[in-house]
Amino acid sequence: MAGSWFSNRIILTTLLLVTVGCAAPPLTNRPVQTEPSWFVRLDSQQEARSSSDLYDHPATWTPEELTAILSRLLLEEQRGIFDSPRPPKPVFSLKEINQLAPAIQRAFHMARSTEWLSFYLSDSSDSQMTITSGGLFIKNGRLHIVIANHQEPTSATDSDVASIRTNPLRSLKGTRGALRFESSRFAIGTDANWSGGHAAAASELVIDQQAFLAFLRIPAATLVQPTATLPAMKLPQTPPSTNQTTNKKDPGPKDPLLKLQEEIDRLTRRVEEQESEIAKLKQPPKQPLPPRTKPKRPPILP
């Protein structure tokens, strides 16, 4: 009996710890833009936060900067051992980016240091519904993007829909993939985010947004590396001889390129003369021919 009581006590304690661990702290929120199928708002915890938990808010963005970042978010789906690799897919469609970017810009401008941004997107067709939700915040000069649900299938009558609208960081089944940034050199790292208070974790990506935006502002011409050698310079033709142009005014100082052409011609002639002299020296000396002698006539016999 005592053993049974002890076992029940352990089970109850374990359930209590799991319940406490999965329960998200109560939130307060300030709406930024609310539409029937999506919203962007500012969330914060009700209890006082320590200085180490504060964010770098408010922050200033342009819609173009946010569009550049949101359009480069990718989700690399998990696959089994025998599954063929699949290319990463964009997290947001162009329509969703056009909806979110202006609202996120205003939210960052309104945000306090204790608030983070939350977003919720739903797409319904017949009785089916898909949900994408998550959040954004800037901490220690880096942009954190959290995706809790990505096109998660559910129904409009499911109680989980209300839970996600209450806390968009709540993940139903996880993203089933890794969050990536198209320009990988600006991605600092990824992590599991459990702040949604559920058994599944959201995917969090940290980006060096300042370096990325500075890269975008570099003119395209400066990104082209100069070649090691310069192209050959086409020099102007030598003007006709002065012997054929009499009674003409002095043309004035010579053009630098013309002077360079004349100097090249002079050096070329000098090199040709030296090569000719060297070739003559290399020739062996001619041997003198032997003197020619007249043949002797035979004596005349008497």
Protein backbone atom coordinates (compact mmCIF):
# COMPACT_ATOMS: atom_id res chain seq x y z
CA MET A 1 0.00 0.00 0.00
CA ALA A 2 2.79 2.33 0.96
CA GLY A 3 4.61 1.46 -2.26
CA SER A 4 1.51 2.24 -4.29
CA TRP A 5 1.11 5.60 -2.55
CA PHE A 6 4.75 6.43 -3.21
CA SER A 7 4.40 5.54 -6.87
CA ASN A 8 1.29 7.69 -7.23
CA ARG A 9 3.12 10.55 -5.53
CA ILE A 10 5.96 10.34 -8.05
CA ILE A 11 3.51 10.29 -10.96
CA LEU A 12 1.61 13.31 -9.65
CA THR A 13 4.85 15.21 -9.06
CA THR A 14 6.05 14.42 -12.57
CA LEU A 15 2.76 15.53 -14.09
CA LEU A 16 2.89 18.75 -12.10
CA LEU A 17 6.42 19.51 -13.30
CA VAL A 18 5.47 18.81 -16.91
CA THR A 19 2.37 21.01 -16.58
CA VAL A 20 4.36 23.86 -15.07
CA GLY A 21 7.08 23.48 -17.68
CA CYS A 22 4.58 23.58 -20.54
CA ALA A 23 2.51 26.44 -19.19
CA ALA A 24 3.44 29.75 -20.74
CA PRO A 25 3.50 32.81 -18.50
CA PRO A 26 0.50 35.12 -18.92
CA LEU A 27 0.96 37.80 -21.55
CA THR A 28 -0.23 41.32 -22.11
CA ASN A 29 -0.45 42.60 -25.66
CA ARG A 30 -0.87 45.78 -27.65
CA PRO A 31 -2.36 45.43 -31.13
CA VAL A 32 -0.57 47.04 -34.08
CA GLN A 33 -2.71 45.79 -36.95
CA THR A 34 -5.53 43.26 -36.71
CA GLU A 35 -7.28 41.74 -39.70
CA PRO A 36 -9.69 38.78 -39.93
CA SER A 37 -7.00 36.35 -41.12
CA TRP A 38 -3.82 37.86 -39.65
CA PHE A 39 -2.42 40.27 -37.08
CA VAL A 40 0.79 41.87 -35.81
CA ARG A 41 1.01 42.97 -32.19
CA LEU A 42 3.36 43.62 -29.29
CA ASP A 43 3.52 41.06 -26.45
CA SER A 44 5.13 41.18 -23.03
CA GLN A 45 5.06 39.18 -19.83
CA GLN A 46 2.93 40.49 -16.99
CA GLU A 47 5.59 40.09 -14.33
CA ALA A 48 8.46 42.52 -14.09
CA ARG A 49 11.46 41.65 -16.25
CA SER A 50 15.10 41.97 -15.26
CA SER A 51 17.47 44.24 -17.14
CA SER A 52 19.10 41.21 -18.81
CA ASP A 53 15.79 40.35 -20.49
CA LEU A 54 15.31 43.74 -22.11
CA TYR A 55 15.29 44.13 -25.89
CA ASP A 56 16.86 46.77 -28.16
CA HIS A 57 13.49 48.41 -28.78
CA PRO A 58 12.22 50.64 -30.27
CA ALA A 59 14.00 50.14 -33.59
CA THR A 60 13.85 51.84 -36.97
CA TRP A 61 13.36 49.97 -40.24
CA THR A 62 12.20 50.65 -43.74
CA PRO A 63 9.68 48.36 -45.47
CA GLU A 64 12.32 47.60 -48.09
CA GLU A 65 14.78 46.38 -45.45
CA LEU A 66 12.20 44.16 -43.81
CA THR A 67 11.11 42.82 -47.20
CA ALA A 68 14.72 41.94 -48.02
CA ILE A 69 15.03 39.96 -44.78
CA LEU A 70 11.63 38.24 -44.77
CA SER A 71 11.99 37.17 -48.40
CA ARG A 72 15.26 35.36 -47.57
CA LEU A 73 13.87 33.24 -44.74
CA LEU A 74 13.86 29.57 -45.70
CA LEU A 75 12.65 26.38 -44.03
CA GLU A 76 14.75 23.29 -44.62
CA GLU A 77 12.44 20.37 -44.01
CA GLN A 78 13.56 17.35 -42.04
CA ARG A 79 13.79 14.13 -43.99
CA GLY A 80 14.29 10.48 -43.29
CA ILE A 81 17.40 8.46 -44.02
CA PHE A 82 16.02 7.12 -47.29
CA ASP A 83 14.27 10.32 -48.38
CA SER A 84 15.72 12.32 -51.25
CA PRO A 85 16.84 15.86 -50.34
CA ARG A 86 14.35 18.66 -50.95
CA PRO A 87 15.23 22.28 -51.67
CA PRO A 88 14.44 24.73 -48.85
CA LYS A 89 11.14 26.54 -49.28
CA PRO A 90 10.38 30.19 -48.47
CA VAL A 91 8.76 30.82 -45.11
CA PHE A 92 6.55 33.64 -46.42
CA SER A 93 4.79 34.16 -49.71
CA LEU A 94 5.00 37.50 -51.50
CA LYS A 95 1.45 38.30 -50.41
CA GLU A 96 2.29 37.59 -46.76
CA ILE A 97 5.44 39.73 -46.94
CA ASN A 98 3.48 42.65 -48.38
CA GLN A 99 1.05 42.35 -45.48
CA LEU A 100 3.60 41.91 -42.71
CA ALA A 101 6.43 44.31 -43.63
CA PRO A 102 4.59 47.65 -43.07
CA ALA A 103 2.96 46.37 -39.87
CA ILE A 104 6.25 45.02 -38.51
CA GLN A 105 7.89 48.37 -39.28
CA ARG A 106 5.30 50.19 -37.16
CA ALA A 107 5.50 47.58 -34.41
CA PHE A 108 9.28 47.97 -34.04
CA HIS A 109 8.81 51.74 -33.89
CA MET A 110 6.18 51.38 -31.13
CA ALA A 111 7.87 48.59 -29.15
CA ARG A 112 9.14 49.08 -25.62
CA SER A 113 12.25 47.38 -24.29
CA THR A 114 10.05 44.76 -22.57
CA GLU A 115 7.98 43.87 -25.66
CA TRP A 116 8.56 41.57 -28.59
CA LEU A 117 6.66 41.35 -31.87
CA SER A 118 4.17 38.56 -32.53
CA PHE A 119 2.46 37.69 -35.81
CA TYR A 120 -0.27 35.30 -36.87
CA LEU A 121 -1.31 34.29 -40.41
CA SER A 122 -4.11 31.93 -41.39
CA ASP A 123 -5.28 30.65 -44.76
CA SER A 124 -8.65 28.92 -44.99
CA SER A 125 -10.15 26.80 -47.74
CA ASP A 126 -13.42 24.95 -47.12
CA SER A 127 -13.15 23.41 -43.66
CA GLN A 128 -9.34 23.27 -43.68
CA MET A 129 -7.01 25.91 -42.30
CA THR A 130 -3.25 26.42 -42.21
CA ILE A 131 -1.51 28.61 -39.65
CA THR A 132 1.87 30.35 -39.65
CA SER A 133 2.91 32.18 -36.49
CA GLY A 134 5.94 33.41 -34.63
CA GLY A 135 7.73 36.51 -33.40
CA LEU A 136 10.63 38.92 -33.84
CA PHE A 137 12.84 40.91 -31.50
CA ILE A 138 16.26 42.57 -31.40
CA LYS A 139 18.62 41.63 -28.60
CA ASN A 140 22.31 42.55 -28.23
CA GLY A 141 22.21 44.17 -31.66
CA ARG A 142 21.02 41.02 -33.44
CA LEU A 143 17.67 40.24 -35.02
CA HIS A 144 15.93 37.13 -33.69
CA ILE A 145 13.21 35.55 -35.83
CA VAL A 146 11.02 32.83 -34.31
CA ILE A 147 8.81 30.53 -36.39
CA ALA A 148 6.52 28.47 -34.17
CA ASN A 149 4.12 27.11 -36.80
CA HIS A 150 4.60 27.02 -40.55
CA GLN A 151 1.54 26.27 -42.67
CA GLU A 152 0.34 24.01 -39.87
CA PRO A 153 -2.88 22.25 -40.94
CA THR A 154 -5.80 22.51 -38.53
CA SER A 155 -9.49 23.41 -38.57
CA ALA A 156 -11.29 26.59 -37.70
CA THR A 157 -13.08 24.83 -34.81
CA ASP A 158 -9.90 23.42 -33.29
CA SER A 159 -9.20 24.73 -29.79
CA ASP A 160 -5.51 25.00 -30.67
CA VAL A 161 -6.30 27.92 -32.98
CA ALA A 162 -7.38 30.02 -30.01
CA SER A 163 -4.23 28.98 -28.11
CA ILE A 164 -2.00 30.13 -30.96
CA ARG A 165 -3.84 33.43 -31.29
CA THR A 166 -3.31 33.93 -27.53
CA ASN A 167 0.42 33.20 -27.87
CA PRO A 168 1.77 33.02 -31.45
CA LEU A 169 5.01 31.52 -30.11
CA ARG A 170 3.09 28.39 -29.09
CA SER A 171 4.09 25.57 -31.44
CA LEU A 172 1.70 22.68 -32.03
CA LYS A 173 4.05 20.17 -33.64
CA GLY A 174 7.19 22.15 -34.27
CA THR A 175 8.24 23.47 -37.66
CA ARG A 176 9.48 20.00 -38.71
CA GLY A 177 12.52 21.64 -40.18
CA ALA A 178 15.37 24.06 -39.63
CA LEU A 179 15.04 27.78 -40.16
CA ARG A 180 17.67 29.12 -42.56
CA PHE A 181 18.72 32.44 -44.10
CA GLU A 182 19.43 32.57 -47.82
CA SER A 183 22.57 34.65 -47.25
CA SER A 184 24.07 32.13 -44.83
CA ARG A 185 27.15 34.20 -43.96
CA PHE A 186 24.89 36.65 -42.08
CA ALA A 187 23.19 33.90 -40.04
CA ILE A 188 24.77 33.68 -36.60
CA GLY A 189 22.96 30.55 -35.41
CA THR A 190 19.72 28.73 -34.71
CA ASP A 191 18.15 27.54 -31.47
CA ALA A 192 15.02 25.91 -30.07
CA ASN A 193 12.61 28.41 -28.53
CA TRP A 194 10.39 27.03 -25.75
CA SER A 195 8.76 30.29 -24.69
CA GLY A 196 5.44 29.22 -26.21
CA GLY A 197 4.82 26.83 -23.32
CA HIS A 198 4.09 23.65 -25.30
CA ALA A 199 5.65 20.23 -25.80
CA ALA A 200 7.01 21.27 -29.21
CA ALA A 201 9.66 23.94 -29.64
CA ALA A 202 9.68 26.81 -32.08
CA SER A 203 12.66 27.41 -34.38
CA GLU A 204 14.68 30.57 -33.69
CA LEU A 205 17.17 32.13 -36.10
CA VAL A 206 19.64 34.90 -35.21
CA ILE A 207 20.78 37.24 -38.00
CA ASP A 208 23.43 39.97 -38.15
CA GLN A 209 20.98 42.33 -39.80
CA GLN A 210 23.31 45.34 -39.68
CA ALA A 211 26.00 43.59 -41.73
CA PHE A 212 23.40 42.24 -44.15
CA LEU A 213 21.79 45.62 -44.74
CA ALA A 214 25.21 47.25 -45.15
CA PHE A 215 25.98 44.62 -47.78
CA LEU A 216 22.77 45.47 -49.63
CA ARG A 217 23.74 49.14 -49.76
CA ILE A 218 27.09 48.42 -51.50
CA PRO A 219 26.87 49.52 -55.15
CA ALA A 220 27.04 46.60 -57.51
CA ALA A 221 30.00 48.12 -59.40
CA THR A 222 32.22 47.98 -56.32
CA LEU A 223 31.61 44.26 -55.95
CA VAL A 224 33.46 43.54 -59.24
CA GLN A 225 37.10 42.73 -58.54
CA PRO A 226 39.57 44.55 -60.82
CA THR A 227 41.66 42.39 -63.16
CA ALA A 228 45.36 41.94 -62.54
CA THR A 229 46.41 43.45 -65.86
CA LEU A 230 45.07 46.46 -67.64
CA PRO A 231 43.77 46.14 -71.22
CA ALA A 232 46.13 47.11 -74.01
CA MET A 233 46.05 50.79 -74.76
CA LYS A 234 45.36 51.72 -78.35
CA LEU A 235 47.69 54.55 -79.17
CA PRO A 236 46.95 57.09 -81.90
CA GLN A 237 48.62 56.74 -85.27
CA THR A 238 51.78 58.71 -85.94
CA PRO A 239 50.97 61.87 -87.89
CA PRO A 240 52.42 62.31 -91.37
CA SER A 241 55.97 63.52 -91.80
CA THR A 242 56.61 67.20 -91.33
CA ASN A 243 58.43 67.26 -94.68
CA GLN A 244 55.06 66.94 -96.40
CA THR A 245 53.35 69.64 -94.36
CA THR A 246 55.01 72.94 -95.01
CA ASN A 247 53.76 76.41 -94.23
CA LYS A 248 51.65 75.15 -91.29
CA LYS A 249 51.46 76.62 -87.85
CA ASP A 250 53.12 74.96 -84.88
CA PRO A 251 50.58 72.48 -83.45
CA GLY A 252 51.77 73.31 -79.95
CA PRO A 253 52.89 70.92 -77.21
CA LYS A 254 52.70 67.26 -78.13
CA ASP A 255 50.12 65.02 -76.61
CA PRO A 256 51.57 62.69 -73.89
CA LEU A 257 50.35 59.64 -75.79
CA LEU A 258 52.05 60.88 -78.95
CA LYS A 259 55.30 61.36 -77.06
CA LEU A 260 54.97 57.84 -75.69
CA GLN A 261 54.42 56.47 -79.21
CA GLU A 262 57.53 58.23 -80.50
CA GLU A 263 59.61 56.94 -77.62
CA ILE A 264 58.38 53.39 -78.26
CA ASP A 265 59.27 53.72 -81.97
CA ARG A 266 62.74 55.00 -81.13
CA LEU A 267 63.41 52.18 -78.68
CA THR A 268 62.10 49.64 -81.18
CA ARG A 269 64.49 50.86 -83.85
CA ARG A 270 67.37 50.82 -81.37
CA VAL A 271 66.61 47.23 -80.36
CA GLU A 272 66.44 46.17 -84.01
CA GLU A 273 69.84 47.75 -84.69
CA GLN A 274 71.40 46.02 -81.69
CA GLU A 275 69.94 42.67 -82.71
CA SER A 276 71.35 43.15 -86.20
CA GLU A 277 74.83 43.91 -84.79
CA ILE A 278 74.68 40.89 -82.48
CA ALA A 279 73.67 38.63 -85.36
CA LYS A 280 76.69 39.84 -87.36
CA LEU A 281 79.04 39.12 -84.46
CA LYS A 282 77.71 35.60 -84.11
CA GLN A 283 78.52 34.72 -87.74
CA PRO A 284 81.84 32.79 -88.13
CA PRO A 285 84.63 34.66 -89.97
CA LYS A 286 85.00 33.83 -93.66
CA GLN A 287 88.09 31.70 -94.56
CA PRO A 288 90.30 33.15 -97.35
CA LEU A 289 90.29 31.18 -100.60
CA PRO A 290 93.62 29.53 -101.67
CA PRO A 291 95.48 31.34 -104.48
CA ARG A 292 94.82 30.09 -107.93
CA THR A 293 97.91 28.72 -109.85
CA LYS A 294 98.24 28.13 -113.52
CA PRO A 295 98.79 24.52 -114.53
CA LYS A 296 102.26 23.73 -115.92
CA ARG A 297 102.50 22.80 -119.60
CA PRO A 298 104.29 19.57 -120.40
CA PRO A 299 107.69 19.97 -122.12
CA ILE A 300 107.75 19.79 -125.90
CA LEU A 301 109.79 16.84 -127.13
CA PRO A 302 112.07 17.26 -130.07
